[in-house]
C-alpha cells in the first residue's frame, strides 16, 4: 500500500480513473451481450 501512496503522490491519479472507467464499460458490454451473467456469483455458491 505504501508504494501505491508514493506513486499517486508523485504521479497523476488519472490512470487509475481511466482504468476503472474502461473496466466498467467492458463489464457492462459483456453483460449486455450475455457473455457474463449478473447473477453468476449467486449460483456459484
Protein backbone atom coordinates (compact mmCIF):
# COMPACT_ATOMS: atom_id res chain seq x y z
CA UNK A 1 0.00 0.00 0.00
CA UNK A 2 2.93 2.30 0.70
CA UNK A 3 4.17 2.02 -2.89
CA UNK A 4 0.68 2.95 -4.12
CA UNK A 5 0.60 6.09 -1.98
CA UNK A 6 4.10 7.00 -3.14
CA UNK A 7 3.06 6.54 -6.77
CA UNK A 8 -0.04 8.72 -6.57
CA UNK A 9 1.82 11.41 -4.63
CA UNK A 10 4.44 11.69 -7.38
CA UNK A 11 2.29 10.84 -10.41
CA UNK A 12 -1.24 11.54 -11.51
CA UNK A 13 -4.22 9.56 -10.24
CA UNK A 14 -5.85 9.68 -13.69
CA UNK A 15 -4.54 6.31 -14.99
CA UNK A 16 -6.46 4.59 -12.20
CA UNK A 17 -9.58 6.59 -13.03
CA UNK A 18 -9.40 5.63 -16.71
CA UNK A 19 -8.70 2.01 -15.80
CA UNK A 20 -11.84 1.84 -13.65
CA UNK A 21 -13.98 3.52 -16.33
CA UNK A 22 -12.69 1.17 -19.04
CA UNK A 23 -13.20 -1.89 -16.85
CA UNK A 24 -16.75 -0.81 -16.07
CA UNK A 25 -17.55 -0.33 -19.76
CA UNK A 26 -16.12 -3.75 -20.62
CA UNK A 27 -18.19 -5.43 -17.90
CA UNK A 28 -21.38 -3.64 -18.99
CA UNK A 29 -20.79 -4.68 -22.62
CA UNK A 30 -20.10 -8.31 -21.67
CA UNK A 31 -23.24 -8.48 -19.51
CA UNK A 32 -25.38 -6.91 -22.24
CA UNK A 33 -24.02 -9.42 -24.80
CA UNK A 34 -24.81 -12.31 -22.47
CA UNK A 35 -21.18 -13.34 -22.04
CA UNK A 36 -21.28 -12.61 -18.32
CA UNK A 37 -24.23 -13.29 -16.07
CA UNK A 38 -25.00 -10.61 -13.49
CA UNK A 39 -26.15 -13.40 -11.12
CA UNK A 40 -23.20 -15.75 -11.63
CA UNK A 41 -21.92 -15.31 -8.07
CA UNK A 42 -25.27 -16.28 -6.60
CA UNK A 43 -25.30 -19.66 -8.34
CA UNK A 44 -21.58 -20.33 -7.76
CA UNK A 45 -22.00 -20.81 -4.02
